[in-house]
Amino acid sequence: MIAQNYVGCDISKQWLDFFDETSGRLRRIDNQANTIAAYVAGLDLSRDFVVMEATGVHDRLLRHALAKAGVPFSRHNPAHTHHYAKSTRRRAKTDPLDARMLSDYGRRYQPEAEPAPREEGERLQSLAGHRDQLVAMRATLKKQLAEAFEAIVITSLK
C-alpha cells in the first residue's frame, strides 16, 4: 500500500503556497489557471492528498484543477485549522508555515476527500450571492432616500 502524502496549500488571491510532506519542499506558484494546472500535473493521484482552508473564491481554480486531474483534496474551516495551529504551539503566521501546518493537519486528521465541484452548483451559488448583494444595496438606498433632504440627492437615489 502506498502511504498517503499530505500536501498543505495556503491560498491567497495572488498565489498558492504548497508544502509537500514527503519531500519537505515548499513551493509558491501564481494563483492562475495555467500555473495551477502545471503544478497539479506533477502530483501523484494515487499518493498525494491536498489539504487547504476554505477561502471562498480564491480556491476555485485549484479545486477545479485537482478534480479534473483526479487528485483528492479537502477544504477546512480556517477557525479549525487556526485552533489546531495554536494547539501545536505555532505562533508565527506566514504562508509557508501555514502550508506546512495544513499538511500536518491532514496527517493528523486524515480527512475524507471532497467530491468534485459542480459547475452548475457554483454558478447558482454565485448568482444567489449577487442577488443578495443587490437586495442589500436596494435596502440601503431606500434608507438613504428616506433620510435625504437635498433635491439633488433625492434625484440621484431615485
Protein backbone atom coordinates (compact mmCIF):
# COMPACT_ATOMS: atom_id res chain seq x y z
CA MET A 1 0.00 0.00 0.00
CA ILE A 2 1.25 3.46 -0.89
CA ALA A 3 1.46 5.87 2.05
CA GLN A 4 -0.69 8.97 1.76
CA ASN A 5 1.29 12.17 1.19
CA TYR A 6 -0.47 15.24 2.57
CA VAL A 7 0.28 18.39 0.60
CA GLY A 8 -0.71 21.52 2.52
CA CYS A 9 -1.76 24.54 0.49
CA ASP A 10 -2.12 28.07 1.83
CA ILE A 11 -4.26 30.11 -0.54
CA SER A 12 -4.26 33.81 -1.24
CA LYS A 13 -5.63 35.92 -4.05
CA GLN A 14 -2.24 36.18 -5.80
CA TRP A 15 -0.51 32.88 -5.07
CA LEU A 16 -0.63 29.42 -3.58
CA ASP A 17 1.98 28.10 -1.16
CA PHE A 18 2.38 24.31 -1.15
CA PHE A 19 4.21 22.15 1.37
CA ASP A 20 4.89 18.55 0.35
CA GLU A 21 5.45 16.48 3.49
CA THR A 22 7.29 13.66 1.72
CA SER A 23 9.93 15.84 0.11
CA GLY A 24 9.79 18.62 2.70
CA ARG A 25 9.63 21.04 -0.21
CA LEU A 26 7.89 24.42 -0.11
CA ARG A 27 6.75 25.91 -3.39
CA ARG A 28 4.92 29.13 -4.25
CA ILE A 29 3.02 29.45 -7.52
CA ASP A 30 0.76 32.09 -9.03
CA ASN A 31 -2.95 31.61 -8.43
CA GLN A 32 -3.55 31.38 -12.19
CA ALA A 33 -5.20 28.53 -14.10
CA ASN A 34 -2.19 27.60 -16.29
CA THR A 35 0.29 27.66 -13.40
CA ILE A 36 -2.02 25.61 -11.20
CA ALA A 37 -2.61 23.07 -13.98
CA ALA A 38 1.15 22.63 -14.42
CA TYR A 39 1.65 22.10 -10.68
CA VAL A 40 -1.27 19.67 -10.37
CA ALA A 41 0.05 17.67 -13.35
CA GLY A 42 3.12 16.87 -11.23
CA LEU A 43 1.07 15.42 -8.37
CA ASP A 44 0.60 11.67 -7.93
CA LEU A 45 -3.14 11.00 -7.78
CA SER A 46 -2.57 7.63 -6.08
CA ARG A 47 -0.49 9.14 -3.27
CA ASP A 48 -0.97 12.91 -2.93
CA PHE A 49 -3.85 14.48 -1.00
CA VAL A 50 -4.14 18.28 -0.92
CA VAL A 51 -5.35 19.96 2.27
CA MET A 52 -6.43 23.61 2.19
CA GLU A 53 -8.54 26.12 4.03
CA ALA A 54 -11.90 27.15 2.63
CA THR A 55 -11.17 30.60 1.26
CA GLY A 56 -14.23 31.47 -0.72
CA VAL A 57 -13.50 32.17 -4.36
CA HIS A 58 -9.70 32.11 -4.17
CA ASP A 59 -9.50 28.31 -4.04
CA ARG A 60 -11.83 27.76 -7.01
CA LEU A 61 -9.16 27.34 -9.70
CA LEU A 62 -7.23 24.89 -7.56
CA ARG A 63 -10.30 22.81 -6.67
CA HIS A 64 -11.28 22.51 -10.32
CA ALA A 65 -7.75 21.59 -11.45
CA LEU A 66 -7.43 18.95 -8.72
CA ALA A 67 -10.82 17.46 -9.55
CA LYS A 68 -10.03 17.38 -13.28
CA ALA A 69 -6.74 15.58 -12.58
CA GLY A 70 -8.35 13.18 -10.09
CA VAL A 71 -6.21 14.35 -7.16
CA PRO A 72 -8.12 14.09 -3.86
CA PHE A 73 -8.44 17.21 -1.72
CA SER A 74 -10.27 18.60 1.28
CA ARG A 75 -11.09 22.10 2.47
CA HIS A 76 -11.29 23.04 6.12
CA ASN A 77 -12.75 25.82 8.20
CA PRO A 78 -9.95 28.35 8.88
CA ALA A 79 -11.08 28.63 12.52
CA HIS A 80 -10.48 24.89 13.00
CA THR A 81 -7.05 24.94 11.41
CA HIS A 82 -6.13 28.06 13.42
CA HIS A 83 -7.03 26.26 16.65
CA TYR A 84 -5.01 23.26 15.51
CA ALA A 85 -2.01 25.51 14.86
CA LYS A 86 -2.38 27.03 18.32
CA SER A 87 -2.58 23.57 19.88
CA THR A 88 0.79 22.73 18.34
CA ARG A 89 2.22 25.94 19.83
CA ARG A 90 2.97 27.51 16.49
CA ARG A 91 2.96 31.24 16.96
CA ALA A 92 4.39 32.51 13.69
CA LYS A 93 1.96 33.04 10.84
CA THR A 94 3.39 33.08 7.36
CA ASP A 95 2.07 31.49 4.18
CA PRO A 96 4.81 28.81 4.05
CA LEU A 97 4.27 27.94 7.71
CA ASP A 98 0.52 27.76 7.15
CA ALA A 99 1.08 25.36 4.24
CA ARG A 100 3.25 23.17 6.49
CA MET A 101 0.62 23.31 9.24
CA LEU A 102 -2.12 22.25 6.77
CA SER A 103 0.00 19.28 5.73
CA ASP A 104 0.37 18.32 9.42
CA TYR A 105 -3.37 18.86 9.91
CA GLY A 106 -4.07 16.41 7.08
CA ARG A 107 -1.70 13.82 8.55
CA ARG A 108 -3.28 14.20 12.00
CA TYR A 109 -6.96 14.09 10.98
CA GLN A 110 -6.80 12.16 7.69
CA PRO A 111 -9.86 13.89 6.22
CA GLU A 112 -12.19 12.46 3.63
CA ALA A 113 -11.78 13.73 0.08
CA GLU A 114 -14.38 16.21 -1.11
CA PRO A 115 -16.48 15.49 -4.17
CA ALA A 116 -15.54 17.27 -7.38
CA PRO A 117 -17.02 20.76 -7.59
CA ARG A 118 -20.15 21.06 -9.71
CA GLU A 119 -20.15 23.92 -12.20
CA GLU A 120 -23.93 24.34 -12.09
CA GLY A 121 -23.99 24.47 -8.29
CA GLU A 122 -21.22 27.06 -8.20
CA ARG A 123 -22.99 29.10 -10.88
CA LEU A 124 -26.24 29.12 -8.90
CA GLN A 125 -24.37 29.98 -5.70
CA SER A 126 -22.68 32.90 -7.45
CA LEU A 127 -25.98 34.17 -8.83
CA ALA A 128 -27.68 33.86 -5.45
CA GLY A 129 -24.83 35.77 -3.80
CA HIS A 130 -25.08 38.51 -6.39
CA ARG A 131 -28.85 38.76 -5.85
CA ASP A 132 -28.29 39.04 -2.09
CA GLN A 133 -25.88 41.93 -2.71
CA LEU A 134 -28.39 43.71 -4.94
CA VAL A 135 -31.18 43.29 -2.35
CA ALA A 136 -28.90 44.71 0.37
CA MET A 137 -27.93 47.64 -1.88
CA ARG A 138 -31.59 48.38 -2.60
CA ALA A 139 -32.39 48.37 1.13
CA THR A 140 -29.50 50.76 1.81
CA LEU A 141 -30.63 53.11 -0.97
CA LYS A 142 -34.23 53.09 0.34
CA LYS A 143 -32.98 54.03 3.80
CA GLN A 144 -30.83 56.80 2.36
CA LEU A 145 -33.78 58.06 0.32
CA ALA A 146 -35.98 58.21 3.42
CA GLU A 147 -33.34 60.31 5.19
CA ALA A 148 -32.38 62.56 2.28
CA PHE A 149 -33.49 66.19 2.16
CA GLU A 150 -31.45 67.69 -0.70
CA ALA A 151 -33.25 67.55 -4.05
CA ILE A 152 -30.14 66.53 -5.98
CA VAL A 153 -29.50 63.63 -3.56
CA ILE A 154 -33.15 62.50 -3.75
CA THR A 155 -32.99 62.56 -7.54
CA SER A 156 -29.76 60.62 -7.56
CA LEU A 157 -31.10 57.98 -5.16
CA LYS A 158 -34.24 57.51 -7.23
